[in-house]
Structures are given as structure tokens and as C-alpha cells.
Amino acid sequence: MRIAVDDIKAAPTELQFVEEVSELNRTLAGRSEAEYHLPVSLRVSLAHFRSGEDLILSGTIQGEFVGTCSRCVEEYTSPIQRAFSVTLSPQFQTTHREVELSVDELSAGFYSEAHIDLSALVGEETLLALPSQPLCRENCRGLCGQCGTNLNVESCACRPLWRDPRLAVLSTLRLPSQR
């Protein structure tokens, strides 16, 4: 979805729309860190207004994602809900000289065209809402390191791993807080 910059007025305007996720799923498929996909479209509630030349966009994104747990390698579904607020400033054309940007300018968003692409904003905020380490639940026990059994479903009969007796002295060490 796109909004014409000239249509953004000083009075807040509210929008509600559904954002298709096919492009975002292609982006997620190209990442190697974690496996996610979005099974259904995202619901977006957005308010926008102008403050001088700056454009203020704020709202919420709601939906769900399917991820692969990093401990037990099982797929799970989890909700996404993210509130966001973005200020976009006009990008002024500069001469071909080097300009040092301030910290505020480095963290700011800019617009330079006659339209604002809300799909890009929704995609960026959705990526920020995804967990960096996907877990099906906080107390996921993961897989057995020896036999690969999912310890959330069943327990295994594996013995504890062999420990090198030369390192046994390290188990007697205590931190000052443990004495």
C-alpha cells in the first residue's frame, strides 16, 4: 500500500488495511539464521499526520508466524503484535560533497518520493517483531544430545556423557558466592 505525501495532512488520519505477506515470505526464505514464514496476511492499523515537513506514522501490526524452535526443531505458531512509530523527514538533495551525519540523522527515516510505501514499513517492523531465537515455549527442553529424542515428548534412557577424569578437579571449584 502506498500513500501520497500530499495526502498526509496536519490532522491525524487513521487507516486499517490487510498487508499481503508473499513478498515478506520471500525475504524470510532468503535468510539463513532462523526459519519463519507468515501463514496469513497481517492486519495493520495506522495513523499518519504531518508536523511541518516531517511525516509521523504510528500504529500496530497483528498477525501470526510459524517458526522452527531452535531447541527441539519442531514447528510452532505464535502471534505477532508490534506497535511502532516512525518519523520520516524529507531527504534534501545535497551537492556531491562529503557530509558528516549526526547521530539523530543516522537514526532517522527519510522520504524522497511523492509516495510513501507502507508495505516496506510493515515488512521492516514485522522483521523486527520476530524473535532472534525462536522457541516453541520458554521451558522447551530440546533434544537429547546423544539420541536426538525430543525431551518435551518423551524421556530417553541415555546415560550421562563420559567425563574426562583429568578435568575432575574443575568440578570442585566454587565461585565466591557459592561458598
C-alpha atoms as a PDB file:
ATOM      1  CA  MET A   1       0.000   0.000   0.000  1.00  0.00           C
ATOM      2  CA  ARG A   2       1.204   3.484  -0.793  1.00  0.00           C
ATOM      3  CA  ILE A   3       0.179   6.923   0.484  1.00  0.00           C
ATOM      4  CA  ALA A   4       0.738  10.120  -1.468  1.00  0.00           C
ATOM      5  CA  VAL A   5       2.836  12.556   0.585  1.00  0.00           C
ATOM      6  CA  ASP A   6       0.492  15.404  -0.380  1.00  0.00           C
ATOM      7  CA  ASP A   7      -2.453  13.474   1.121  1.00  0.00           C
ATOM      8  CA  ILE A   8      -0.868  13.480   4.586  1.00  0.00           C
ATOM      9  CA  LYS A   9      -2.340  16.458   6.464  1.00  0.00           C
ATOM     10  CA  ALA A  10      -1.718  18.002   9.888  1.00  0.00           C
ATOM     11  CA  ALA A  11      -4.820  16.342  11.312  1.00  0.00           C
ATOM     12  CA  PRO A  12      -4.305  12.642  12.125  1.00  0.00           C
ATOM     13  CA  THR A  13      -5.864  10.199   9.670  1.00  0.00           C
ATOM     14  CA  GLU A  14      -6.436   6.575  10.596  1.00  0.00           C
ATOM     15  CA  LEU A  15      -6.157   3.663   8.189  1.00  0.00           C
ATOM     16  CA  GLN A  16      -6.779  -0.015   8.604  1.00  0.00           C
ATOM     17  CA  PHE A  17      -5.691  -2.465   5.957  1.00  0.00           C
ATOM     18  CA  VAL A  18      -4.528  -6.007   5.359  1.00  0.00           C
ATOM     19  CA  GLU A  19      -0.966  -6.479   4.157  1.00  0.00           C
ATOM     20  CA  GLU A  20      -0.253  -9.458   1.953  1.00  0.00           C
ATOM     21  CA  VAL A  21       2.799 -11.462   3.053  1.00  0.00           C
ATOM     22  CA  SER A  22       4.030 -13.124  -0.137  1.00  0.00           C
ATOM     23  CA  GLU A  23       6.920 -10.663  -0.619  1.00  0.00           C
ATOM     24  CA  LEU A  24       7.815 -10.825   3.070  1.00  0.00           C
ATOM     25  CA  ASN A  25       7.823 -14.638   2.955  1.00  0.00           C
ATOM     26  CA  ARG A  26      10.278 -14.496   0.038  1.00  0.00           C
ATOM     27  CA  THR A  27      12.524 -12.244   2.141  1.00  0.00           C
ATOM     28  CA  LEU A  28      12.279 -14.621   5.109  1.00  0.00           C
ATOM     29  CA  ALA A  29      13.065 -17.627   2.912  1.00  0.00           C
ATOM     30  CA  GLY A  30      16.314 -15.976   1.805  1.00  0.00           C
ATOM     31  CA  ARG A  31      17.579 -15.575   5.374  1.00  0.00           C
ATOM     32  CA  SER A  32      19.682 -18.388   6.835  1.00  0.00           C
ATOM     33  CA  GLU A  33      19.607 -17.536  10.557  1.00  0.00           C
ATOM     34  CA  ALA A  34      16.107 -18.618  11.525  1.00  0.00           C
ATOM     35  CA  GLU A  35      13.253 -20.210   9.683  1.00  0.00           C
ATOM     36  CA  TYR A  36       9.964 -18.321   9.733  1.00  0.00           C
ATOM     37  CA  HIS A  37       7.022 -17.855   7.460  1.00  0.00           C
ATOM     38  CA  LEU A  38       3.787 -15.963   7.742  1.00  0.00           C
ATOM     39  CA  PRO A  39       0.746 -18.170   7.012  1.00  0.00           C
ATOM     40  CA  VAL A  40      -1.856 -15.383   6.838  1.00  0.00           C
ATOM     41  CA  SER A  41      -1.984 -11.705   5.937  1.00  0.00           C
ATOM     42  CA  LEU A  42      -1.093  -9.086   8.554  1.00  0.00           C
ATOM     43  CA  ARG A  43      -3.664  -6.675   9.948  1.00  0.00           C
ATOM     44  CA  VAL A  44      -2.332  -3.126  10.128  1.00  0.00           C
ATOM     45  CA  SER A  45      -3.832  -0.201  11.982  1.00  0.00           C
ATOM     46  CA  LEU A  46      -2.068   3.059  11.147  1.00  0.00           C
ATOM     47  CA  ALA A  47      -2.415   6.755  11.959  1.00  0.00           C
ATOM     48  CA  HIS A  48      -0.497   9.354   9.989  1.00  0.00           C
ATOM     49  CA  PHE A  49      -0.109  13.127  10.167  1.00  0.00           C
ATOM     50  CA  ARG A  50       2.246  15.891   9.179  1.00  0.00           C
ATOM     51  CA  SER A  51       4.328  18.056  11.505  1.00  0.00           C
ATOM     52  CA  GLY A  52       5.877  20.721   9.292  1.00  0.00           C
ATOM     53  CA  GLU A  53       7.789  18.764   6.648  1.00  0.00           C
ATOM     54  CA  ASP A  54       8.073  15.656   8.834  1.00  0.00           C
ATOM     55  CA  LEU A  55       5.625  12.783   8.460  1.00  0.00           C
ATOM     56  CA  ILE A  56       4.656  10.829  11.569  1.00  0.00           C
ATOM     57  CA  LEU A  57       3.352   7.267  11.109  1.00  0.00           C
ATOM     58  CA  SER A  58       2.322   5.157  14.086  1.00  0.00           C
ATOM     59  CA  GLY A  59       0.237   2.073  14.576  1.00  0.00           C
ATOM     60  CA  THR A  60       0.184  -1.643  15.234  1.00  0.00           C
ATOM     61  CA  ILE A  61       0.764  -4.807  13.247  1.00  0.00           C
ATOM     62  CA  GLN A  62      -1.045  -8.013  14.169  1.00  0.00           C
ATOM     63  CA  GLY A  63      -0.778 -11.483  12.741  1.00  0.00           C
ATOM     64  CA  GLU A  64       0.980 -14.748  13.345  1.00  0.00           C
ATOM     65  CA  PHE A  65       4.107 -16.535  12.248  1.00  0.00           C
ATOM     66  CA  VAL A  66       5.207 -20.133  12.009  1.00  0.00           C
ATOM     67  CA  GLY A  67       8.729 -20.764  13.233  1.00  0.00           C
ATOM     68  CA  THR A  68      11.072 -23.654  13.877  1.00  0.00           C
ATOM     69  CA  CYS A  69      12.105 -23.978  17.528  1.00  0.00           C
ATOM     70  CA  SER A  70      15.850 -23.644  17.947  1.00  0.00           C
ATOM     71  CA  ARG A  71      15.900 -26.251  20.752  1.00  0.00           C
ATOM     72  CA  CYS A  72      13.564 -29.061  19.669  1.00  0.00           C
ATOM     73  CA  VAL A  73      13.393 -28.282  15.924  1.00  0.00           C
ATOM     74  CA  GLU A  74       9.569 -28.544  15.926  1.00  0.00           C
ATOM     75  CA  GLU A  75       7.365 -26.089  14.057  1.00  0.00           C
ATOM     76  CA  TYR A  76       5.146 -23.845  16.170  1.00  0.00           C
ATOM     77  CA  THR A  77       2.759 -20.945  15.625  1.00  0.00           C
ATOM     78  CA  SER A  78       2.978 -17.725  17.606  1.00  0.00           C
ATOM     79  CA  PRO A  79       1.205 -14.370  17.415  1.00  0.00           C
ATOM     80  CA  ILE A  80       2.862 -11.164  16.240  1.00  0.00           C
ATOM     81  CA  GLN A  81       1.794  -7.877  17.747  1.00  0.00           C
ATOM     82  CA  ARG A  82       4.034  -4.870  17.327  1.00  0.00           C
ATOM     83  CA  ALA A  83       3.394  -1.210  17.989  1.00  0.00           C
ATOM     84  CA  PHE A  84       5.541   1.203  16.008  1.00  0.00           C
ATOM     85  CA  SER A  85       6.090   4.898  15.494  1.00  0.00           C
ATOM     86  CA  VAL A  86       8.194   6.305  12.668  1.00  0.00           C
ATOM     87  CA  THR A  87       9.095   9.871  11.771  1.00  0.00           C
ATOM     88  CA  LEU A  88      10.094  10.476   8.174  1.00  0.00           C
ATOM     89  CA  SER A  89      11.906  13.669   7.188  1.00  0.00           C
ATOM     90  CA  PRO A  90      12.332  14.946   3.659  1.00  0.00           C
ATOM     91  CA  GLN A  91      15.589  13.942   2.047  1.00  0.00           C
ATOM     92  CA  PHE A  92      17.097  17.090   0.643  1.00  0.00           C
ATOM     93  CA  GLN A  93      19.337  16.871  -2.370  1.00  0.00           C
ATOM     94  CA  THR A  94      22.899  17.685  -1.448  1.00  0.00           C
ATOM     95  CA  THR A  95      25.814  18.625  -3.577  1.00  0.00           C
ATOM     96  CA  HIS A  96      28.428  15.988  -4.342  1.00  0.00           C
ATOM     97  CA  ARG A  97      30.482  16.714  -1.280  1.00  0.00           C
ATOM     98  CA  GLU A  98      31.053  14.658   1.797  1.00  0.00           C
ATOM     99  CA  VAL A  99      28.651  15.429   4.614  1.00  0.00           C
ATOM    100  CA  GLU A 100      29.018  14.113   8.137  1.00  0.00           C
ATOM    101  CA  LEU A 101      25.689  12.961   9.536  1.00  0.00           C
ATOM    102  CA  SER A 102      24.786  13.497  13.174  1.00  0.00           C
ATOM    103  CA  VAL A 103      23.563  10.662  15.409  1.00  0.00           C
ATOM    104  CA  ASP A 104      19.974  11.905  15.058  1.00  0.00           C
ATOM    105  CA  GLU A 105      20.259  11.932  11.267  1.00  0.00           C
ATOM    106  CA  LEU A 106      21.659   8.382  11.205  1.00  0.00           C
ATOM    107  CA  SER A 107      18.685   7.027  13.156  1.00  0.00           C
ATOM    108  CA  ALA A 108      16.064   8.992  11.226  1.00  0.00           C
ATOM    109  CA  GLY A 109      13.976   7.821   8.312  1.00  0.00           C
ATOM    110  CA  PHE A 110      13.712   9.829   5.126  1.00  0.00           C
ATOM    111  CA  TYR A 111      11.348  10.158   2.207  1.00  0.00           C
ATOM    112  CA  SER A 112      12.279  11.480  -1.197  1.00  0.00           C
ATOM    113  CA  GLU A 113       9.422  10.476  -3.461  1.00  0.00           C
ATOM    114  CA  ALA A 114       5.831  11.621  -3.863  1.00  0.00           C
ATOM    115  CA  HIS A 115       4.555   8.398  -2.226  1.00  0.00           C
ATOM    116  CA  ILE A 116       5.347   6.528   0.984  1.00  0.00           C
ATOM    117  CA  ASP A 117       5.492   2.735   0.591  1.00  0.00           C
ATOM    118  CA  LEU A 118       3.710   1.338   3.622  1.00  0.00           C
ATOM    119  CA  SER A 119       4.477  -2.251   2.562  1.00  0.00           C
ATOM    120  CA  ALA A 120       8.184  -1.621   3.147  1.00  0.00           C
ATOM    121  CA  LEU A 121       7.461  -0.112   6.571  1.00  0.00           C
ATOM    122  CA  VAL A 122       5.192  -3.017   7.563  1.00  0.00           C
ATOM    123  CA  GLY A 123       7.790  -5.520   6.331  1.00  0.00           C
ATOM    124  CA  GLU A 124      10.577  -3.875   8.314  1.00  0.00           C
ATOM    125  CA  GLU A 125       8.510  -3.696  11.503  1.00  0.00           C
ATOM    126  CA  THR A 126       7.420  -7.332  11.086  1.00  0.00           C
ATOM    127  CA  LEU A 127      11.042  -8.462  10.778  1.00  0.00           C
ATOM    128  CA  LEU A 128      11.834  -6.542  13.966  1.00  0.00           C
ATOM    129  CA  ALA A 129       8.924  -8.271  15.743  1.00  0.00           C
ATOM    130  CA  LEU A 130      10.238 -11.773  15.037  1.00  0.00           C
ATOM    131  CA  PRO A 131      12.285 -13.334  17.863  1.00  0.00           C
ATOM    132  CA  SER A 132      16.017 -13.660  17.295  1.00  0.00           C
ATOM    133  CA  GLN A 133      15.991 -17.130  18.866  1.00  0.00           C
ATOM    134  CA  PRO A 134      12.711 -18.889  18.149  1.00  0.00           C
ATOM    135  CA  LEU A 135      11.386 -21.042  20.989  1.00  0.00           C
ATOM    136  CA  CYS A 136       8.165 -23.030  20.923  1.00  0.00           C
ATOM    137  CA  ARG A 137       7.837 -22.281  24.642  1.00  0.00           C
ATOM    138  CA  GLU A 138      10.074 -20.777  27.298  1.00  0.00           C
ATOM    139  CA  ASN A 139      10.713 -24.094  29.083  1.00  0.00           C
ATOM    140  CA  CYS A 140      11.414 -26.141  25.940  1.00  0.00           C
ATOM    141  CA  ARG A 141      13.755 -28.993  26.911  1.00  0.00           C
ATOM    142  CA  GLY A 142      15.106 -29.517  23.402  1.00  0.00           C
ATOM    143  CA  LEU A 143      16.651 -32.682  22.005  1.00  0.00           C
ATOM    144  CA  CYS A 144      18.832 -35.264  23.740  1.00  0.00           C
ATOM    145  CA  GLY A 145      22.414 -34.656  22.714  1.00  0.00           C
ATOM    146  CA  GLN A 146      23.076 -38.370  22.348  1.00  0.00           C
ATOM    147  CA  CYS A 147      20.000 -39.998  20.813  1.00  0.00           C
ATOM    148  CA  GLY A 148      18.098 -37.000  19.461  1.00  0.00           C
ATOM    149  CA  THR A 149      14.854 -37.723  21.342  1.00  0.00           C
ATOM    150  CA  ASN A 150      12.558 -34.730  21.755  1.00  0.00           C
ATOM    151  CA  LEU A 151      12.662 -34.341  25.550  1.00  0.00           C
ATOM    152  CA  ASN A 152       9.367 -32.410  25.543  1.00  0.00           C
ATOM    153  CA  VAL A 153       7.546 -35.513  24.290  1.00  0.00           C
ATOM    154  CA  GLU A 154       9.379 -38.390  25.983  1.00  0.00           C
ATOM    155  CA  SER A 155      12.391 -39.061  28.132  1.00  0.00           C
ATOM    156  CA  CYS A 156      15.297 -41.136  26.969  1.00  0.00           C
ATOM    157  CA  ALA A 157      17.407 -43.796  28.651  1.00  0.00           C
ATOM    158  CA  CYS A 158      20.763 -42.316  27.679  1.00  0.00           C
ATOM    159  CA  ARG A 159      23.495 -42.339  30.267  1.00  0.00           C
ATOM    160  CA  PRO A 160      25.290 -39.156  31.136  1.00  0.00           C
ATOM    161  CA  LEU A 161      28.217 -38.428  28.882  1.00  0.00           C
ATOM    162  CA  TRP A 162      31.660 -39.670  29.843  1.00  0.00           C
ATOM    163  CA  ARG A 163      33.659 -37.032  31.669  1.00  0.00           C
ATOM    164  CA  ASP A 164      37.403 -36.786  31.380  1.00  0.00           C
ATOM    165  CA  PRO A 165      38.886 -37.635  34.838  1.00  0.00           C
ATOM    166  CA  ARG A 166      41.744 -35.215  34.220  1.00  0.00           C
ATOM    167  CA  LEU A 167      39.218 -32.382  34.395  1.00  0.00           C
ATOM    168  CA  ALA A 168      37.536 -33.638  37.587  1.00  0.00           C
ATOM    169  CA  VAL A 169      39.375 -31.078  39.676  1.00  0.00           C
ATOM    170  CA  LEU A 170      37.455 -28.327  37.860  1.00  0.00           C
ATOM    171  CA  SER A 171      34.157 -29.553  39.337  1.00  0.00           C
ATOM    172  CA  THR A 172      35.490 -28.783  42.847  1.00  0.00           C
ATOM    173  CA  LEU A 173      35.996 -25.116  42.032  1.00  0.00           C
ATOM    174  CA  ARG A 174      33.404 -22.782  43.527  1.00  0.00           C
ATOM    175  CA  LEU A 175      32.669 -19.149  42.928  1.00  0.00           C
ATOM    176  CA  PRO A 176      32.894 -16.892  45.982  1.00  0.00           C
ATOM    177  CA  SER A 177      29.078 -16.632  46.032  1.00  0.00           C
ATOM    178  CA  GLN A 178      28.753 -20.462  46.183  1.00  0.00           C
ATOM    179  CA  ARG A 179      30.894 -20.990  49.283  1.00  0.00           C
END
